[in-house]
Amino acid sequence: MRRQRRGIKLLALIMGLSLVAAACGDVDDDEGAAEPETEEEVPQGGDLVLGAEQEPECADWMGSCGGSSWGFWTMGANTMPRAFDIVLEGDQWVYTPSSLLEGEPELVTEPQQVTTYQISEDAVWSDETPISCADFVYTWDQVANAEEIYDKTGFRNIGSVECPDGEDGKTVVVTYAEPYAGWKSIFGGQYGIFPAHILEGQDRNAAMVDGYDWSGGPWLIDEWTRGEQIVLVPNENYWGTVPSLDSVTFRFITDSAAEFEAFT
C-alpha cells in the first residue's frame, strides 16, 4: 500500500499511538459505575506489541522509497517533529499547532503569501540540540531541490525560507512565490521536520534508509530487524509528555487475523 498523500485521515490514525502510550493501563474495571471523572496517575512501564500489515522499504520519509503508509505510521509520525497536529473538533478533523510551535503561525496573504513560525524554546532533538530555523530551511531545500523525492506538492510554491534571528534562531519566515492554500501541510505532517545539524552535507537517503538513532518526537527507533519487527522506546529528551510505556513493538504480520492476535 502506497500513500497518495499523508493527509488528515492518516494523521488522525497515527496520533493514536501517542494517546495509547500515554494512557495504557488506565482501565476502569467497573463498567457499570457512573463515577465522576477523576485524574489518575498513569502507571509507568510495560511493553506494547502490535501487528503491522506491511514493512516499510526505507525510513527516509521524503524519499521515493518512503511511501509506505505503515512505515510512516510506525516510525515517522512518532519520531519526526511537525508544526501541526490533526485534532477532532465536532465532526471535523482540523490542523492545530503542535507543541513544536509557540502558537498559531502568522499568515499574511497580500501582496505575497508569507507565513511566520515561532518555534518553542523548549523544542529540542533527542541529542538536546535545539530545533531551529535551520531545520525548516534544510527540510524545504531537500524536498524542493533534491532528487528522488516522493511528493514536492506545495514545497515548489515556496520562494524562500529565511531566518531573521539566524539559523540557530527560533523564528522562521516562509515566503511563497505562488500562493498555496494547503500551507499547513507543508511542515505540518507530510514529512515532518528533518535535523539539519545531523543530515546536512551527507546523503540523506543513505543515512536514513535503515532507520536513524535521533528523534524530535516522543519515541526513538530502538531496533528495526528487517522481516521481523520495529521497536520504539521513549525519547527521554522530548519536551512534551514522555510516553509511559517502556517500549512499543510492531511485528510484521501480513495476515489480518494474526495481526489482531499479536496485540499484547
Protein backbone atom coordinates (compact mmCIF):
# COMPACT_ATOMS: atom_id res chain seq x y z
CA MET A 1 0.00 0.00 0.00
CA ARG A 2 1.44 3.32 -1.10
CA ARG A 3 0.11 6.56 0.27
CA GLN A 4 -1.28 9.07 -2.23
CA ARG A 5 -0.63 11.87 0.23
CA ARG A 6 -0.25 11.86 4.00
CA GLY A 7 -3.45 13.78 4.63
CA ILE A 8 -5.78 14.41 7.52
CA LYS A 9 -7.15 10.86 7.82
CA LEU A 10 -3.64 9.39 8.00
CA LEU A 11 -2.52 11.82 10.69
CA ALA A 12 -5.68 11.15 12.67
CA LEU A 13 -4.78 7.46 12.77
CA ILE A 14 -1.16 7.86 13.75
CA MET A 15 -2.00 10.19 16.63
CA GLY A 16 -3.49 7.14 18.34
CA LEU A 17 -0.14 5.62 19.30
CA SER A 18 0.83 8.62 21.42
CA LEU A 19 -2.52 8.51 23.18
CA VAL A 20 -2.30 4.77 23.81
CA ALA A 21 1.26 5.08 25.07
CA ALA A 22 0.39 7.86 27.47
CA ALA A 23 -2.72 6.20 28.87
CA CYS A 24 -2.05 2.47 28.60
CA GLY A 25 -3.01 0.71 31.82
CA ASP A 26 -5.64 3.25 32.90
CA VAL A 27 -8.65 0.89 32.86
CA ASP A 28 -11.95 1.15 34.72
CA ASP A 29 -12.90 -2.35 35.92
CA ASP A 30 -16.40 -1.28 36.98
CA GLU A 31 -18.06 -0.71 33.63
CA GLY A 32 -21.49 -0.16 35.12
CA ALA A 33 -20.50 2.58 37.56
CA ALA A 34 -21.19 6.19 36.63
CA GLU A 35 -18.48 7.75 38.72
CA PRO A 36 -17.29 11.34 38.21
CA GLU A 37 -14.16 11.55 36.10
CA THR A 38 -11.04 11.92 38.21
CA GLU A 39 -7.46 12.42 37.16
CA GLU A 40 -5.45 9.32 37.97
CA GLU A 41 -1.74 8.72 37.79
CA VAL A 42 -0.86 6.76 34.68
CA PRO A 43 1.03 3.54 35.51
CA GLN A 44 4.64 3.56 34.34
CA GLY A 45 6.32 0.83 32.36
CA GLY A 46 5.18 -2.08 30.26
CA ASP A 47 5.68 -3.18 26.67
CA LEU A 48 3.03 -2.98 23.97
CA VAL A 49 3.13 -5.34 20.97
CA LEU A 50 1.16 -4.58 17.80
CA GLY A 51 0.86 -6.26 14.43
CA ALA A 52 1.82 -4.29 11.31
CA GLU A 53 0.49 -5.38 7.93
CA GLN A 54 3.48 -4.16 5.93
CA GLU A 55 7.17 -3.45 6.38
CA PRO A 56 8.45 -0.13 5.02
CA GLU A 57 11.04 -0.14 2.27
CA CYS A 58 13.03 2.61 3.98
CA ALA A 59 12.81 5.28 6.68
CA ASP A 60 13.63 8.29 4.50
CA TRP A 61 10.14 9.76 4.65
CA MET A 62 10.63 12.34 1.91
CA GLY A 63 12.39 9.87 -0.39
CA SER A 64 10.63 7.96 -3.13
CA CYS A 65 11.27 4.74 -1.16
CA GLY A 66 9.48 6.11 1.90
CA GLY A 67 5.93 5.94 0.58
CA SER A 68 4.69 3.11 2.80
CA SER A 69 1.81 4.27 4.97
CA TRP A 70 2.67 1.65 7.59
CA GLY A 71 6.25 2.86 7.72
CA PHE A 72 5.17 6.39 8.41
CA TRP A 73 2.59 5.28 10.98
CA THR A 74 5.05 3.14 12.89
CA MET A 75 8.22 5.25 12.79
CA GLY A 76 7.92 8.58 11.02
CA ALA A 77 4.93 10.06 12.81
CA ASN A 78 6.35 9.15 16.22
CA THR A 79 9.89 10.46 15.72
CA MET A 80 9.59 13.44 13.34
CA PRO A 81 8.56 16.81 14.81
CA ARG A 82 5.85 18.67 12.91
CA ALA A 83 4.32 22.13 13.03
CA PHE A 84 0.71 20.95 13.15
CA ASP A 85 -1.26 18.08 14.63
CA ILE A 86 -4.68 16.91 13.49
CA VAL A 87 -7.45 17.04 16.11
CA LEU A 88 -11.16 16.34 16.03
CA GLU A 89 -13.38 19.39 16.51
CA GLY A 90 -17.01 18.38 16.38
CA ASP A 91 -17.26 16.10 13.36
CA GLN A 92 -14.27 17.54 11.52
CA TRP A 93 -10.53 16.92 11.65
CA VAL A 94 -8.61 20.19 11.71
CA TYR A 95 -5.00 21.35 11.91
CA THR A 96 -3.90 22.75 15.26
CA PRO A 97 -0.39 23.98 16.15
CA SER A 98 1.72 21.24 17.73
CA SER A 99 3.97 21.57 20.76
CA LEU A 100 6.78 22.38 18.30
CA LEU A 101 5.36 25.90 17.94
CA GLU A 102 4.67 28.67 20.42
CA GLY A 103 1.25 29.11 18.83
CA GLU A 104 -0.58 29.68 15.56
CA PRO A 105 1.79 30.92 12.83
CA GLU A 106 1.25 34.42 11.49
CA LEU A 107 -0.22 34.36 7.95
CA VAL A 108 -0.08 37.31 5.54
CA THR A 109 -1.68 36.91 2.10
CA GLU A 110 -1.05 40.28 0.44
CA PRO A 111 0.96 41.27 -1.54
CA GLN A 112 2.56 37.82 -1.12
CA GLN A 113 1.70 34.83 0.99
CA VAL A 114 4.08 34.84 3.96
CA THR A 115 3.93 32.56 6.98
CA THR A 116 5.94 33.23 10.15
CA TYR A 117 6.51 30.35 12.57
CA GLN A 118 7.76 30.74 16.14
CA ILE A 119 9.40 27.52 17.36
CA SER A 120 9.02 26.66 21.04
CA GLU A 121 12.06 27.45 23.15
CA ASP A 122 11.67 24.00 24.71
CA ALA A 123 11.77 22.09 21.42
CA VAL A 124 14.96 20.01 21.09
CA TRP A 125 16.21 16.98 19.22
CA SER A 126 16.97 13.82 21.18
CA ASP A 127 20.63 14.87 21.41
CA GLU A 128 19.39 18.09 23.10
CA THR A 129 20.27 20.32 20.12
CA PRO A 130 17.52 22.96 19.83
CA ILE A 131 15.14 22.57 16.91
CA SER A 132 15.72 25.75 14.94
CA CYS A 133 15.07 27.67 11.75
CA ALA A 134 17.94 25.80 10.08
CA ASP A 135 15.88 22.61 10.26
CA PHE A 136 12.99 24.23 8.36
CA VAL A 137 15.43 25.57 5.75
CA TYR A 138 17.05 22.16 5.31
CA THR A 139 13.72 20.35 5.03
CA TRP A 140 12.39 22.75 2.40
CA ASP A 141 15.62 22.69 0.39
CA GLN A 142 15.72 18.90 0.33
CA VAL A 143 12.10 18.46 -0.76
CA ALA A 144 12.20 21.27 -3.32
CA ASN A 145 15.61 20.56 -4.85
CA ALA A 146 16.78 17.03 -4.14
CA GLU A 147 16.17 14.09 -6.47
CA GLU A 148 14.02 11.03 -5.80
CA ILE A 149 11.50 12.91 -3.62
CA TYR A 150 8.14 11.23 -3.04
CA ASP A 151 5.99 14.37 -3.46
CA LYS A 152 7.02 18.02 -3.91
CA THR A 153 3.50 19.45 -3.87
CA GLY A 154 3.41 22.81 -2.10
CA PHE A 155 7.14 22.93 -1.46
CA ARG A 156 7.69 24.06 -5.04
CA ASN A 157 5.43 27.05 -4.36
CA ILE A 158 7.86 28.39 -1.76
CA GLY A 159 10.22 31.15 -2.88
CA SER A 160 12.31 31.32 0.29
CA VAL A 161 12.64 30.16 3.88
CA GLU A 162 14.51 32.74 5.94
CA CYS A 163 15.86 33.01 9.47
CA PRO A 164 15.61 36.62 10.73
CA ASP A 165 17.27 35.65 14.04
CA GLY A 166 19.94 33.50 12.38
CA GLU A 167 19.79 29.81 11.50
CA ASP A 168 20.04 28.86 15.17
CA GLY A 169 17.08 31.12 15.94
CA LYS A 170 13.51 30.11 16.63
CA THR A 171 11.78 32.34 14.05
CA VAL A 172 11.04 31.01 10.54
CA VAL A 173 9.70 33.16 7.70
CA VAL A 174 8.31 31.30 4.69
CA THR A 175 7.57 33.38 1.58
CA TYR A 176 5.61 31.81 -1.26
CA ALA A 177 6.40 32.56 -4.89
CA GLU A 178 2.93 31.22 -5.66
CA PRO A 179 0.05 31.07 -3.13
CA TYR A 180 -0.64 27.68 -1.62
CA ALA A 181 -3.91 27.14 0.26
CA GLY A 182 -2.71 23.93 1.89
CA TRP A 183 0.29 25.59 3.55
CA LYS A 184 -0.37 23.95 6.94
CA SER A 185 0.55 20.58 5.45
CA ILE A 186 3.99 21.79 4.30
CA PHE A 187 5.72 21.47 7.68
CA GLY A 188 2.66 20.03 9.37
CA GLY A 189 2.92 16.29 8.96
CA GLN A 190 3.50 15.18 5.39
CA TYR A 191 7.21 14.72 6.08
CA GLY A 192 7.83 16.47 9.39
CA ILE A 193 10.99 18.47 10.11
CA PHE A 194 14.45 16.98 9.49
CA PRO A 195 17.57 17.74 11.62
CA ALA A 196 19.97 19.94 9.64
CA HIS A 197 22.81 19.55 12.17
CA ILE A 198 22.81 15.78 11.61
CA LEU A 199 21.95 15.37 7.94
CA GLU A 200 23.35 18.43 6.18
CA GLY A 201 26.33 17.59 3.97
CA GLN A 202 25.63 13.87 3.75
CA ASP A 203 23.46 11.58 1.65
CA ARG A 204 20.13 11.90 3.44
CA ASN A 205 18.64 8.75 1.94
CA ALA A 206 21.67 6.62 2.77
CA ALA A 207 21.68 7.97 6.33
CA MET A 208 18.01 7.15 6.92
CA VAL A 209 17.27 4.14 4.72
CA ASP A 210 17.63 1.59 7.54
CA GLY A 211 16.34 3.83 10.32
CA TYR A 212 18.01 6.50 12.44
CA ASP A 213 19.08 7.00 16.05
CA TRP A 214 17.75 10.54 16.53
CA SER A 215 14.26 11.87 17.17
CA GLY A 216 12.26 15.05 17.54
CA GLY A 217 9.14 13.25 18.72
CA PRO A 218 8.10 11.25 21.79
CA TRP A 219 9.69 8.00 20.55
CA LEU A 220 13.08 6.76 19.34
CA ILE A 221 13.73 3.88 16.93
CA ASP A 222 15.50 1.33 19.11
CA GLU A 223 15.54 -1.58 16.67
CA TRP A 224 14.50 -2.40 13.13
CA THR A 225 15.04 -6.07 12.34
CA ARG A 226 14.03 -6.38 8.72
CA GLY A 227 11.47 -9.05 8.09
CA GLU A 228 10.62 -9.23 11.79
CA GLN A 229 9.85 -6.10 13.77
CA ILE A 230 10.35 -2.45 14.69
CA VAL A 231 10.84 -1.46 18.33
CA LEU A 232 10.31 2.07 19.64
CA VAL A 233 11.42 3.36 23.04
CA PRO A 234 10.68 6.72 24.70
CA ASN A 235 12.71 9.80 23.76
CA GLU A 236 13.71 10.93 27.23
CA ASN A 237 14.62 14.40 25.94
CA TYR A 238 11.22 15.04 24.38
CA TRP A 239 9.91 18.38 25.63
CA GLY A 240 6.28 17.26 25.67
CA THR A 241 4.71 14.35 27.52
CA VAL A 242 7.14 11.42 27.52
CA PRO A 243 5.37 8.06 26.91
CA SER A 244 4.59 5.92 29.94
CA LEU A 245 5.39 2.62 28.25
CA ASP A 246 8.90 1.15 28.14
CA SER A 247 8.53 0.13 24.50
CA VAL A 248 6.18 -0.41 21.58
CA THR A 249 6.93 -3.27 19.17
CA PHE A 250 5.43 -3.58 15.69
CA ARG A 251 5.68 -7.13 14.36
CA PHE A 252 5.30 -7.57 10.62
CA ILE A 253 2.29 -9.84 10.12
CA THR A 254 0.55 -9.82 6.75
CA ASP A 255 -2.44 -11.93 7.83
CA SER A 256 -5.15 -9.66 9.27
CA ALA A 257 -6.45 -12.19 11.82
CA ALA A 258 -2.95 -12.98 13.07
CA GLU A 259 -2.17 -9.27 13.19
CA PHE A 260 -5.04 -8.69 15.63
CA GLU A 261 -3.95 -11.63 17.77
CA ALA A 262 -0.45 -10.12 18.04
CA PHE A 263 -1.79 -7.29 20.22
CA THR A 264 -0.40 -7.85 23.75
